[in-house]
Protein backbone atom coordinates (compact mmCIF):
# COMPACT_ATOMS: atom_id res chain seq x y z
CA UNK A 1 96.76 88.01 100.50
CA UNK A 2 93.82 87.51 102.89
CA UNK A 3 94.56 87.18 106.76
CA UNK A 4 91.66 88.47 108.88
CA UNK A 5 93.58 88.04 112.21
CA UNK A 6 97.04 89.32 111.25
CA UNK A 7 98.04 92.47 113.17
CA UNK A 8 101.68 92.77 112.15
CA UNK A 9 103.15 92.47 108.60
CA UNK A 10 106.77 92.91 107.44
CA UNK A 11 107.66 92.47 103.86
CA UNK A 12 111.36 92.67 102.76
CA UNK A 13 113.28 92.16 99.57
CA UNK A 14 110.41 90.95 97.56
CA UNK A 15 108.29 91.72 94.47
CA UNK A 16 104.59 92.50 94.64
CA UNK A 17 102.44 92.22 91.60
CA UNK A 18 98.98 93.55 90.96
CA UNK A 19 97.96 90.04 89.75
CA UNK A 20 98.63 88.42 93.22
CA UNK A 21 94.86 88.36 94.01
CA UNK A 22 92.67 90.11 96.54
CA UNK A 23 94.05 91.77 99.68
CA UNK A 24 92.22 91.91 102.91
CA UNK A 25 93.91 92.78 106.23
CA UNK A 26 91.23 94.04 108.47
CA UNK A 27 92.97 93.71 111.75
CA UNK A 28 96.42 94.81 110.58
CA UNK A 29 97.92 97.44 112.79
CA UNK A 30 101.61 97.59 111.75
CA UNK A 31 102.87 97.42 108.19
CA UNK A 32 106.58 97.53 107.12
CA UNK A 33 107.90 97.44 103.63
CA UNK A 34 111.64 97.35 103.18
CA UNK A 35 113.23 96.99 99.67
CA UNK A 36 109.98 95.95 98.06
CA UNK A 37 109.24 96.40 94.35
CA UNK A 38 105.69 97.20 93.49
CA UNK A 39 103.53 99.44 91.31
CA UNK A 40 101.24 102.16 92.21
CA UNK A 41 98.14 99.95 91.98
CA UNK A 42 99.42 97.20 94.41
CA UNK A 43 100.53 99.78 96.91
CA UNK A 44 97.14 101.49 96.86
CA UNK A 45 95.42 98.17 97.14
CA UNK A 46 97.59 97.28 100.09
CA UNK A 47 97.00 100.52 101.86
CA UNK A 48 93.11 100.25 101.27
CA UNK A 49 93.15 96.80 102.72
CA UNK A 50 94.37 97.94 106.14
CA UNK A 51 91.54 100.13 107.57
CA UNK A 52 92.74 99.98 111.22
CA UNK A 53 96.39 100.59 110.43
CA UNK A 54 98.36 102.41 113.21
CA UNK A 55 101.92 102.20 112.01
CA UNK A 56 103.17 102.28 108.43
CA UNK A 57 106.75 102.35 107.32
CA UNK A 58 107.89 102.34 103.74
CA UNK A 59 111.45 102.45 103.18
CA UNK A 60 113.99 101.76 100.35
CA UNK A 61 111.23 100.43 98.03
CA UNK A 62 110.91 101.17 94.17
CA UNK A 63 108.56 100.66 91.29
CA UNK A 64 105.74 103.07 92.48
CA UNK A 65 105.58 106.84 91.74
CA UNK A 66 102.68 108.04 93.94
CA UNK A 67 101.21 107.14 97.35
CA UNK A 68 97.94 108.46 98.69
CA UNK A 69 96.85 107.81 102.14
CA UNK A 70 93.14 108.25 103.09
CA UNK A 71 90.57 106.34 105.26
CA UNK A 72 93.18 105.34 107.83
CA UNK A 73 91.55 106.96 110.90
CA UNK A 74 93.89 105.19 113.43
CA UNK A 75 97.20 106.10 112.00
CA UNK A 76 99.75 107.32 114.46
CA UNK A 77 103.08 106.63 112.88
CA UNK A 78 104.15 107.21 109.36
CA UNK A 79 107.68 106.87 107.86
CA UNK A 80 108.17 107.24 104.20
CA UNK A 81 111.89 107.42 103.10
CA UNK A 82 114.57 106.42 100.59
CA UNK A 83 112.00 105.25 97.93
CA UNK A 84 113.85 106.05 94.73
CA UNK A 85 110.90 106.12 92.32
CA UNK A 86 108.41 107.79 94.55
CA UNK A 87 107.51 111.34 93.41
CA UNK A 88 104.31 112.25 95.12
CA UNK A 89 102.87 111.69 98.57
CA UNK A 90 99.31 112.85 99.13
CA UNK A 91 97.98 112.87 102.80
CA UNK A 92 94.15 112.99 102.75
CA UNK A 93 93.64 112.44 106.39
CA UNK A 94 91.10 113.35 108.83
CA UNK A 95 92.10 116.48 110.89
CA UNK A 96 91.20 114.61 114.06
CA UNK A 97 93.76 111.88 113.31
CA UNK A 98 96.01 111.01 116.15
CA UNK A 99 99.07 111.08 113.90
CA UNK A 100 102.09 112.00 116.19
CA UNK A 101 105.14 110.81 114.29
CA UNK A 102 105.93 111.67 110.72
CA UNK A 103 109.24 111.06 108.87
CA UNK A 104 109.55 111.80 105.11
CA UNK A 105 112.37 112.78 102.77
CA UNK A 106 113.33 113.64 99.23
CA UNK A 107 111.22 116.08 97.03
CA UNK A 108 107.97 115.32 98.94
CA UNK A 109 107.80 117.92 101.47
CA UNK A 110 106.90 120.80 99.15
CA UNK A 111 103.62 119.09 98.36
CA UNK A 112 102.48 118.54 101.87
CA UNK A 113 100.27 120.64 104.15
CA UNK A 114 100.92 119.52 107.74
CA UNK A 115 98.78 122.10 109.40
CA UNK A 116 95.61 120.05 109.67
CA UNK A 117 97.48 117.45 111.84
CA UNK A 118 97.48 119.24 115.24
CA UNK A 119 98.41 116.20 117.10
CA UNK A 120 101.84 115.73 115.45
CA UNK A 121 104.55 115.55 118.17
CA UNK A 122 107.66 114.24 116.18
CA UNK A 123 108.66 115.35 112.80
CA UNK A 124 111.68 114.30 110.66
CA UNK A 125 112.28 116.02 107.34
CA UNK A 126 115.36 114.77 105.15
CA UNK A 127 116.76 116.15 101.88
CA UNK A 128 114.62 119.06 102.09
CA UNK A 129 112.95 120.56 99.16
CA UNK A 130 111.09 123.20 101.07
CA UNK A 131 111.77 126.83 101.87
CA UNK A 132 112.58 128.28 105.25
CA UNK A 133 109.31 130.18 105.03
CA UNK A 134 107.36 126.87 104.66
CA UNK A 135 108.99 125.65 107.85
CA UNK A 136 108.40 128.99 109.67
CA UNK A 137 104.74 129.13 108.74
CA UNK A 138 104.07 125.52 109.71
CA UNK A 139 105.69 125.21 113.20
CA UNK A 140 103.29 127.77 114.90
CA UNK A 141 100.44 125.65 113.54
CA UNK A 142 101.64 122.37 115.27
CA UNK A 143 101.15 123.23 118.89
CA UNK A 144 102.11 119.78 120.21
CA UNK A 145 105.25 119.32 118.14
CA UNK A 146 108.09 118.35 120.62
CA UNK A 147 110.74 116.98 118.46
CA UNK A 148 112.02 118.27 114.97
CA UNK A 149 114.78 116.54 112.89
CA UNK A 150 116.14 118.33 109.85
CA UNK A 151 118.69 116.29 107.72
CA UNK A 152 120.61 117.08 104.52
CA UNK A 153 119.22 120.58 104.10
CA UNK A 154 121.93 121.32 101.69
CA UNK A 155 120.45 124.24 99.85
CA UNK A 156 119.79 126.36 103.00
CA UNK A 157 122.05 129.21 104.03
CA UNK A 158 119.68 130.56 106.73
CA UNK A 159 117.24 128.93 109.00
CA UNK A 160 114.90 130.47 111.48
CA UNK A 161 112.81 128.04 113.84
CA UNK A 162 110.18 129.53 116.10
CA UNK A 163 108.21 127.21 118.36
CA UNK A 164 106.92 127.67 121.93
CA UNK A 165 106.66 123.85 122.59
CA UNK A 166 109.65 122.43 120.78
CA UNK A 167 111.96 120.48 123.23
CA UNK A 168 114.23 118.52 120.90
CA UNK A 169 115.98 119.93 117.69
CA UNK A 170 118.46 118.14 115.46
CA UNK A 171 120.17 119.67 112.49
CA UNK A 172 122.48 117.38 110.54
CA UNK A 173 124.23 117.48 107.27
CA UNK A 174 123.23 121.12 106.70
CA UNK A 175 126.73 122.03 105.27
CA UNK A 176 125.80 125.45 103.77
CA UNK A 177 124.17 126.96 106.78
CA UNK A 178 125.76 130.23 107.86
CA UNK A 179 122.96 131.70 110.02
CA UNK A 180 120.69 129.93 112.67
CA UNK A 181 118.05 131.61 114.57
CA UNK A 182 116.29 129.54 117.20
CA UNK A 183 113.24 131.02 119.08
CA UNK A 184 112.26 128.01 121.19
CA UNK A 185 112.15 128.82 124.99
CA UNK A 186 111.36 125.12 126.04
CA UNK A 187 114.11 123.66 123.98
CA UNK A 188 116.29 121.30 126.26
CA UNK A 189 118.27 119.28 123.63
CA UNK A 190 120.06 120.50 120.57
CA UNK A 191 122.28 118.80 118.13
CA UNK A 192 124.08 120.13 115.13
CA UNK A 193 126.26 118.49 112.41
CA UNK A 194 127.35 120.59 109.41
CA UNK A 195 129.52 123.30 108.34
CA UNK A 196 130.82 126.49 110.07
CA UNK A 197 127.91 128.84 111.24
CA UNK A 198 128.85 132.52 111.43
CA UNK A 199 125.79 133.56 113.28
CA UNK A 200 123.87 131.50 115.96
CA UNK A 201 121.35 132.85 118.32
CA UNK A 202 118.82 131.11 120.71
CA UNK A 203 116.77 131.96 123.74
CA UNK A 204 116.58 128.31 124.83
CA UNK A 205 116.88 129.03 128.70
CA UNK A 206 116.23 125.38 129.44
CA UNK A 207 118.87 123.98 127.08
CA UNK A 208 121.03 121.40 129.03
CA UNK A 209 122.09 119.02 126.34
CA UNK A 210 123.97 120.41 123.29
CA UNK A 211 126.01 118.45 120.79
CA UNK A 212 127.94 120.61 118.18
């Protein structure tokens, strides 16, 4: 797979094998993998072959158990979700990276440290395997974060979110929540879908769009 001028690549419903030969995609900026079967080696080779990648989406794939991202200085958008066999995601990225959108799911969040990525503006976490403390400790360290989506946080009964910059917050499929505390003075959009909440408090004075 050698294409020196290719800038956008989408692979869907196919098998990638390590024996497919050299991979060289020096101009690729957008890579999307949907329903792709590949082993760890071919995934790493593919990532390594895209030095100027800006957008990477890996969804509904299987066959590989780990993914390490490094030496991708231009990465701005990363979405990794619904990959059945994936157990480990390592982000070894430059702290000056312009990563502003990150979406991850399953058991991966507990192994991630997002604090180095100060430019992050949009974060989605799904099927959480993290604690409320992890979230509470991370949010103050992400000064540009404006949008936070939390989906399927089924094990949480209490959540406290504190951010002076957050503008959009979505909590969905969090069916066991009974207490929600939101300290987000700049929040203007809030969406909740889940069970009955016994205690809810917020200081979002600018809130003008709420869906319950």
